[in-house]
Amino acid sequence: QVQLVESGGGLVQAGGSLRLSCAASGRTFSSYTMGWFRQAPGKEREFVATINWRSTYYADSVKGRFTISRDNAKNTVYLQMNSLKPEDTAVYYCAAKTAASYSNNYYSGSREYDYWGQGTQVTVSS
C-alpha cells in the first residue's frame, strides 16, 4: 500500500509560480513511475507530467512552463509550475505506478496508475 500526500497548492496571479509536492510512503519509491494529473470543474481528469526513474514527459499544454522532478532520498515528487495561466486552475493530483519497476516507458493514462493522492487546489486569477 502506498500513500500519497500533496501540498503546495494555493491562489496565485497569472504569470506567477507555485511548486507542488507529493510525499510518498513505500520502501521502493525510486522504482515507481510518478505522475501529476489535474481536474478542472466540469472536465475530465487530464495528464500533466510524469517521471520514471530517469526521464520525464509532459502534456503539450504545460511543456516549457512546468517541471516535474523527484528526490528519492525524501520519497517526494515535485511539480514546479511557472508562467501560470487561468486555464491551469484545477485540483492537482499526484499518482504512483508501482507495478512496473524502473520502467523506461511513459504513462499518461490515469488508469495506468495504482495509487492517488487526495489532491490540492491550484487557482490562477487573471
Foldseek 3Di string as FASTA:
>chain_A
DKAKAKDWADEEAAQAKIKMKIAMDDDQLLFKKKFKWWDDPPGDIFGAKIDGNHDIDGDPVQPPFWDWDDDVVRNMIMIIGGRDDQVVWTWMKMFIQDPGTRDPDDDTDPVNTDDIYPTDTHGYHD
